[in-house]
Amino acid sequence: MTSDRDASEVLAEAAAAAGAAPSIHNTQPWRWLAHQDALDLYAERTRQLTATDPDGRMLAISCGAALHHARVALAAVGWQAVVVPLPDPAQPDLLARITLGDAVPISPEAMRRYQTTQLRRTDRRPVTRQTVPRPVLDTLAQTADGEGAHLHILHPDQVDHLAAAVAHASAVDAEDPAIQAELDRWAGGARTEHTGIPDDVIPAQTPQTDVPIRTFARSGTLPIGGEHDRTATYAILYGETDDPAGWLRGGQALSAVWLTAVELGVGLLPISEAVEMPASRQALRRVLSFFGWPYLAMRLGIPDPDHPGPARTPRLPAEQVVGRSGEYVR
């Protein structure tokens, strides 16, 4: 138990640990403010992709992933997190407030889940020929349900619709100078500013996939084999609303599903291009029979155990994203 520790310190440490969360182009578009008895999560608009993500959909999903990572960190030190989403209508960039609930026993599962946040990677290489077992897919779907979202596993014919939606979005991206400028800014190089996607996690050549992965402005240095993703499973993460509250839930579900996948030996590759354009989002809504709003598509597969995964992408120092009351972190 950690009930004798200062709450502000516990919350600030959880915010720092949340920096390991995934985000669109590794923009890390969040900042935290720790009060004596609460932790506030803000959208950081200076790291929003204004051309690719003008509505802030992927920003909110990214922040939701960080919110879930903070919850995981608190559970690992024996605290239940109480989350109030969008607590102040007058502050739309204040996305969530966390307070400490009851002190709880530190379980092996909570410790393992926290350790998984340090192991998770975005791996753009093809997966092996081994298929993901159906019970594992069911577990991932149940995990999404537990976070207030849903995971629809695509049938083979639906994968074709996803591929078409991604191809359409990619073609639109390629013709948009502002989007290409954002890609050029955030992807490639050594990333000494601690954000973005460095060369060593971008494939050196285009992988063979049924659903195309994002084309960056330049090739990276990550070696890939000659495998083809024919045995990969594709899914759509979706929810009941298409608004900031829904996107925030979607981000928490993405984090929970991803961490569960890692624990079960499954690689997860998010496919955000599928929801970045209105036409592609509508195409995915049709795949869902209009039962929900797509937040993200993803590829699920078994990574090659004989080859180490890509390096971890850089992260901003905690002092740049976590502040205490009376401070403003930029």
Protein backbone atom coordinates (compact mmCIF):
# COMPACT_ATOMS: atom_id res chain seq x y z
CA MET A 1 0.00 0.00 0.00
CA THR A 2 1.04 3.60 -0.54
CA SER A 3 -1.52 5.46 1.56
CA ASP A 4 1.23 7.29 3.52
CA ARG A 5 2.62 9.04 0.42
CA ASP A 6 1.74 12.55 -0.69
CA ALA A 7 -1.07 12.33 -3.25
CA SER A 8 0.40 15.03 -5.47
CA GLU A 9 3.67 13.09 -5.73
CA VAL A 10 1.88 9.85 -6.56
CA LEU A 11 -0.20 11.54 -9.25
CA ALA A 12 2.78 13.35 -10.78
CA GLU A 13 4.70 10.07 -11.00
CA ALA A 14 1.73 8.43 -12.76
CA ALA A 15 1.64 11.31 -15.26
CA ALA A 16 5.34 10.85 -15.96
CA ALA A 17 4.82 7.12 -16.49
CA ALA A 18 1.99 7.88 -18.92
CA GLY A 19 4.57 9.36 -21.28
CA ALA A 20 5.15 5.82 -22.58
CA ALA A 21 1.70 5.85 -24.21
CA PRO A 22 1.32 5.65 -28.00
CA SER A 23 0.28 8.73 -29.94
CA ILE A 24 -0.31 9.77 -33.54
CA HIS A 25 3.14 10.26 -35.15
CA ASN A 26 4.53 10.15 -31.59
CA THR A 27 3.44 13.76 -31.11
CA GLN A 28 2.67 13.15 -27.40
CA PRO A 29 -0.05 15.83 -27.58
CA TRP A 30 -0.74 16.05 -23.84
CA ARG A 31 0.31 17.90 -20.74
CA TRP A 32 -0.48 17.15 -17.10
CA LEU A 33 -1.00 19.36 -14.08
CA ALA A 34 -0.74 17.75 -10.66
CA HIS A 35 -2.66 19.42 -7.84
CA GLN A 36 -2.55 18.41 -4.19
CA ASP A 37 -5.46 16.02 -4.64
CA ALA A 38 -6.03 15.70 -8.41
CA LEU A 39 -4.26 15.25 -11.74
CA ASP A 40 -5.52 17.14 -14.78
CA LEU A 41 -4.93 15.99 -18.36
CA TYR A 42 -4.88 18.70 -21.03
CA ALA A 43 -4.71 18.57 -24.80
CA GLU A 44 -1.48 20.19 -25.97
CA ARG A 45 -2.53 21.98 -29.15
CA THR A 46 1.02 22.93 -30.12
CA ARG A 47 1.56 19.24 -30.90
CA GLN A 48 -1.71 18.70 -32.75
CA LEU A 49 -1.48 17.68 -36.41
CA THR A 50 -3.65 20.49 -37.69
CA ALA A 51 -3.63 19.30 -41.32
CA THR A 52 -3.97 15.57 -40.71
CA ASP A 53 -6.19 15.83 -37.63
CA PRO A 54 -8.04 19.18 -37.77
CA ASP A 55 -10.88 18.01 -35.51
CA GLY A 56 -8.51 16.70 -32.83
CA ARG A 57 -9.88 13.17 -33.12
CA MET A 58 -6.49 11.45 -33.08
CA LEU A 59 -5.22 13.94 -30.51
CA ALA A 60 -8.02 12.94 -28.12
CA ILE A 61 -7.46 9.23 -28.82
CA SER A 62 -3.76 9.71 -28.10
CA CYS A 63 -4.57 11.51 -24.85
CA GLY A 64 -6.98 8.72 -23.94
CA ALA A 65 -4.13 6.23 -24.31
CA ALA A 66 -2.01 8.36 -21.96
CA LEU A 67 -4.93 8.53 -19.52
CA HIS A 68 -5.15 4.74 -19.44
CA HIS A 69 -1.38 4.46 -18.97
CA ALA A 70 -1.66 6.76 -15.93
CA ARG A 71 -4.37 4.52 -14.50
CA VAL A 72 -2.12 1.50 -15.04
CA ALA A 73 0.75 3.25 -13.26
CA LEU A 74 -1.47 4.08 -10.28
CA ALA A 75 -2.70 0.50 -9.99
CA ALA A 76 0.92 -0.67 -9.95
CA VAL A 77 1.57 1.37 -6.80
CA GLY A 78 -1.65 0.38 -5.08
CA TRP A 79 -4.17 3.06 -5.96
CA GLN A 80 -7.54 3.00 -7.66
CA ALA A 81 -7.90 5.87 -10.14
CA VAL A 82 -11.16 7.82 -10.23
CA VAL A 83 -11.51 9.48 -13.64
CA VAL A 84 -13.88 12.29 -14.55
CA PRO A 85 -13.78 12.95 -18.32
CA LEU A 86 -14.21 16.51 -19.62
CA PRO A 87 -14.83 17.91 -16.12
CA ASP A 88 -15.21 21.60 -17.08
CA PRO A 89 -17.24 22.69 -20.14
CA ALA A 90 -15.52 26.08 -19.96
CA GLN A 91 -12.13 24.40 -20.53
CA PRO A 92 -12.48 22.12 -23.59
CA ASP A 93 -8.76 21.33 -23.53
CA LEU A 94 -9.11 19.90 -20.02
CA LEU A 95 -9.82 16.34 -21.12
CA ALA A 96 -9.90 14.48 -17.82
CA ARG A 97 -9.29 14.73 -14.09
CA ILE A 98 -7.91 11.86 -12.02
CA THR A 99 -8.24 11.61 -8.25
CA LEU A 100 -7.10 8.81 -5.99
CA GLY A 101 -9.76 6.38 -4.88
CA ASP A 102 -9.18 3.58 -2.41
CA ALA A 103 -5.78 2.12 -1.72
CA VAL A 104 -5.82 -1.43 -3.11
CA PRO A 105 -3.50 -4.43 -2.89
CA ILE A 106 -0.75 -4.41 -5.50
CA SER A 107 -1.45 -7.49 -7.60
CA PRO A 108 0.96 -9.37 -9.86
CA GLU A 109 -1.40 -8.56 -12.73
CA ALA A 110 -1.14 -4.81 -12.03
CA MET A 111 2.65 -4.99 -11.88
CA ARG A 112 2.80 -7.01 -15.10
CA ARG A 113 0.50 -4.57 -16.85
CA TYR A 114 2.72 -1.65 -15.84
CA GLN A 115 5.83 -3.48 -17.05
CA THR A 116 4.05 -4.03 -20.36
CA THR A 117 3.78 -0.26 -20.86
CA GLN A 118 7.58 -0.22 -21.02
CA LEU A 119 7.73 -3.13 -23.49
CA ARG A 120 5.05 -2.02 -25.97
CA ARG A 121 6.32 -0.96 -29.39
CA THR A 122 4.82 0.07 -32.74
CA ASP A 123 6.15 -2.58 -35.15
CA ARG A 124 5.51 -1.88 -38.83
CA ARG A 125 7.23 -5.05 -40.07
CA PRO A 126 5.17 -7.95 -41.50
CA VAL A 127 3.99 -10.53 -38.98
CA THR A 128 4.61 -14.28 -39.11
CA ARG A 129 2.39 -16.83 -40.82
CA GLN A 130 0.95 -17.95 -37.49
CA THR A 131 -2.61 -16.74 -37.03
CA VAL A 132 -3.91 -15.11 -33.86
CA PRO A 133 -6.06 -17.71 -32.04
CA ARG A 134 -9.76 -16.92 -31.80
CA PRO A 135 -9.81 -17.03 -27.96
CA VAL A 136 -7.12 -14.34 -27.96
CA LEU A 137 -9.21 -12.17 -30.30
CA ASP A 138 -12.21 -12.68 -28.01
CA THR A 139 -10.13 -11.55 -25.03
CA LEU A 140 -9.06 -8.41 -26.88
CA ALA A 141 -12.67 -7.64 -27.77
CA GLN A 142 -13.72 -8.10 -24.13
CA THR A 143 -10.90 -5.75 -23.09
CA ALA A 144 -12.25 -3.04 -25.41
CA ASP A 145 -15.75 -3.57 -24.01
CA GLY A 146 -14.39 -3.03 -20.52
CA GLU A 147 -13.26 0.45 -21.53
CA GLY A 148 -16.57 1.49 -23.06
CA ALA A 149 -15.62 0.81 -26.69
CA HIS A 150 -15.86 -2.21 -29.00
CA LEU A 151 -13.57 -4.19 -31.27
CA HIS A 152 -14.97 -5.58 -34.52
CA ILE A 153 -12.83 -8.35 -36.00
CA LEU A 154 -12.99 -8.09 -39.79
CA HIS A 155 -13.97 -10.98 -42.04
CA PRO A 156 -11.71 -11.48 -45.09
CA ASP A 157 -14.09 -9.67 -47.43
CA GLN A 158 -14.28 -6.73 -45.00
CA VAL A 159 -10.49 -6.47 -45.06
CA ASP A 160 -10.82 -5.49 -48.72
CA HIS A 161 -13.07 -2.59 -47.70
CA LEU A 162 -10.53 -1.50 -45.09
CA ALA A 163 -7.73 -1.69 -47.66
CA ALA A 164 -9.74 0.46 -50.07
CA ALA A 165 -10.48 3.03 -47.36
CA VAL A 166 -6.81 3.27 -46.40
CA ALA A 167 -5.73 3.49 -50.05
CA HIS A 168 -8.20 6.33 -50.63
CA ALA A 169 -6.96 8.23 -47.56
CA SER A 170 -3.35 7.66 -48.60
CA ALA A 171 -4.02 9.03 -52.08
CA VAL A 172 -5.66 12.14 -50.65
CA ASP A 173 -2.74 12.60 -48.23
CA ALA A 174 -0.24 12.37 -51.06
CA GLU A 175 -1.88 15.28 -52.87
CA ASP A 176 -2.13 17.54 -49.83
CA PRO A 177 0.98 19.71 -49.32
CA ALA A 178 0.08 20.54 -45.71
CA ILE A 179 -0.26 16.88 -44.74
CA GLN A 180 2.99 16.05 -46.49
CA ALA A 181 4.68 18.88 -44.64
CA GLU A 182 3.46 17.43 -41.34
CA LEU A 183 4.80 14.01 -42.26
CA ASP A 184 8.12 15.57 -43.16
CA ARG A 185 8.20 17.40 -39.84
CA TRP A 186 7.28 14.43 -37.63
CA ALA A 187 8.77 11.39 -39.38
CA GLY A 188 12.38 10.58 -40.21
CA GLY A 189 15.77 11.57 -38.89
CA ALA A 190 17.24 11.05 -35.44
CA ARG A 191 14.43 12.92 -33.62
CA THR A 192 16.68 14.73 -31.14
CA GLU A 193 13.68 16.77 -29.92
CA HIS A 194 12.25 13.59 -28.25
CA THR A 195 9.09 13.44 -30.38
CA GLY A 196 8.19 12.00 -33.78
CA ILE A 197 9.14 8.81 -35.59
CA PRO A 198 12.88 8.15 -36.02
CA ASP A 199 14.45 6.36 -38.98
CA ASP A 200 15.17 3.19 -37.00
CA VAL A 201 11.45 2.34 -36.59
CA ILE A 202 10.47 3.12 -40.21
CA PRO A 203 10.84 0.13 -42.59
CA ALA A 204 13.73 0.33 -45.03
CA GLN A 205 11.37 -0.83 -47.78
CA THR A 206 7.63 -1.07 -48.18
CA PRO A 207 6.29 -4.23 -46.47
CA GLN A 208 4.01 -6.60 -48.36
CA THR A 209 0.61 -6.16 -46.74
CA ASP A 210 -3.04 -6.68 -47.63
CA VAL A 211 -3.82 -3.31 -46.04
CA PRO A 212 -1.21 -0.66 -46.92
CA ILE A 213 0.71 0.95 -44.10
CA ARG A 214 1.35 4.66 -44.04
CA THR A 215 3.86 5.95 -46.59
CA PHE A 216 6.32 8.33 -44.97
CA ALA A 217 8.19 11.07 -46.78
CA ARG A 218 11.34 8.94 -46.82
CA SER A 219 12.39 5.38 -46.09
CA GLY A 220 13.81 4.41 -42.73
CA THR A 221 16.47 1.94 -41.66
CA LEU A 222 14.38 -0.82 -40.00
CA PRO A 223 15.14 -4.12 -41.79
CA ILE A 224 12.15 -6.25 -42.76
CA GLY A 225 11.92 -9.79 -44.05
CA GLY A 226 10.13 -11.08 -47.10
CA GLU A 227 6.96 -12.15 -45.30
CA HIS A 228 3.49 -11.08 -46.43
CA ASP A 229 0.74 -10.23 -43.95
CA ARG A 230 -1.72 -12.73 -45.42
CA THR A 231 -2.38 -14.30 -42.02
CA ALA A 232 -2.76 -11.02 -40.15
CA THR A 233 -6.07 -10.20 -38.54
CA TYR A 234 -7.58 -6.75 -38.94
CA ALA A 235 -10.05 -5.05 -36.65
CA ILE A 236 -11.88 -1.76 -36.14
CA LEU A 237 -12.03 -0.11 -32.73
CA TYR A 238 -15.29 1.80 -32.50
CA GLY A 239 -17.74 3.40 -30.11
CA GLU A 240 -21.22 4.76 -29.79
CA THR A 241 -20.40 8.48 -30.16
CA ASP A 242 -18.21 10.55 -32.48
CA ASP A 243 -17.20 13.29 -30.06
CA PRO A 244 -14.33 14.11 -27.68
CA ALA A 245 -15.78 11.95 -24.91
CA GLY A 246 -16.03 9.00 -27.28
CA TRP A 247 -12.54 9.57 -28.68
CA LEU A 248 -11.14 9.70 -25.15
CA ARG A 249 -12.82 6.36 -24.36
CA GLY A 250 -11.47 5.01 -27.63
CA GLY A 251 -7.94 5.97 -26.64
CA GLN A 252 -8.25 4.25 -23.29
CA ALA A 253 -9.59 1.16 -25.04
CA LEU A 254 -6.71 1.26 -27.54
CA SER A 255 -4.19 1.32 -24.69
CA ALA A 256 -5.94 -1.50 -22.83
CA VAL A 257 -6.24 -3.67 -25.95
CA TRP A 258 -2.62 -3.01 -26.94
CA LEU A 259 -1.22 -3.87 -23.51
CA THR A 260 -3.34 -7.02 -23.35
CA ALA A 261 -2.14 -7.99 -26.83
CA VAL A 262 1.50 -7.62 -25.77
CA GLU A 263 0.87 -9.77 -22.70
CA LEU A 264 -0.64 -12.45 -24.96
CA GLY A 265 2.24 -12.37 -27.46
CA VAL A 266 0.35 -10.46 -30.16
CA GLY A 267 1.64 -7.47 -32.09
CA LEU A 268 -0.72 -4.56 -32.72
CA LEU A 269 -0.22 -1.95 -35.44
CA PRO A 270 -2.67 0.99 -35.35
CA ILE A 271 -3.95 2.17 -38.74
CA SER A 272 -5.11 5.73 -38.21
CA GLU A 273 -5.23 6.68 -41.90
CA ALA A 274 -8.48 4.75 -42.13
CA VAL A 275 -10.28 7.33 -39.98
CA GLU A 276 -8.47 10.54 -40.89
CA MET A 277 -10.58 11.33 -43.97
CA PRO A 278 -14.39 11.73 -43.91
CA ALA A 279 -14.89 9.38 -46.88
CA SER A 280 -12.74 6.63 -45.38
CA ARG A 281 -14.49 6.99 -42.00
CA GLN A 282 -17.83 6.63 -43.75
CA ALA A 283 -16.58 3.51 -45.53
CA LEU A 284 -15.67 1.98 -42.17
CA ARG A 285 -19.07 2.94 -40.78
CA ARG A 286 -20.62 0.88 -43.56
CA VAL A 287 -18.40 -2.04 -42.56
CA LEU A 288 -19.80 -1.64 -39.05
CA SER A 289 -23.35 -1.60 -40.50
CA PHE A 290 -23.64 1.91 -39.00
CA PHE A 291 -23.79 0.45 -35.48
CA GLY A 292 -21.01 2.74 -34.27
CA TRP A 293 -18.33 5.28 -35.09
CA PRO A 294 -14.85 4.06 -36.05
CA TYR A 295 -12.02 5.38 -33.90
CA LEU A 296 -9.12 3.40 -35.34
CA ALA A 297 -8.30 0.33 -37.40
CA MET A 298 -5.57 -2.08 -36.41
CA ARG A 299 -3.55 -5.04 -37.59
CA LEU A 300 -3.09 -7.97 -35.20
CA GLY A 301 -0.48 -10.66 -35.74
CA ILE A 302 2.23 -12.80 -34.18
CA PRO A 303 5.65 -11.10 -34.29
CA ASP A 304 8.72 -13.00 -35.40
CA PRO A 305 10.34 -14.31 -32.18
CA ASP A 306 13.72 -14.74 -33.87
CA HIS A 307 14.17 -11.05 -34.67
CA PRO A 308 14.17 -8.29 -32.05
CA GLY A 309 11.48 -5.68 -32.37
CA PRO A 310 12.12 -2.06 -33.29
CA ALA A 311 13.61 0.39 -30.84
CA ARG A 312 11.41 2.43 -28.57
CA THR A 313 10.46 5.80 -30.02
CA PRO A 314 11.76 8.85 -28.09
CA ARG A 315 9.77 10.46 -25.31
CA LEU A 316 9.68 13.99 -23.95
CA PRO A 317 11.28 14.44 -20.52
CA ALA A 318 8.71 14.43 -17.74
CA GLU A 319 9.51 18.00 -16.76
CA GLN A 320 8.29 19.15 -20.19
CA VAL A 321 4.84 17.56 -19.87
CA VAL A 322 4.13 17.28 -16.12
CA GLY A 323 3.73 20.31 -13.87
CA ARG A 324 2.51 21.08 -10.38
CA SER A 325 -0.16 23.57 -9.34
CA GLY A 326 0.91 27.10 -10.14
CA GLU A 327 3.07 25.99 -13.06
CA TYR A 328 2.35 25.91 -16.78
CA VAL A 329 4.16 23.23 -18.69
CA ARG A 330 4.93 23.80 -22.37
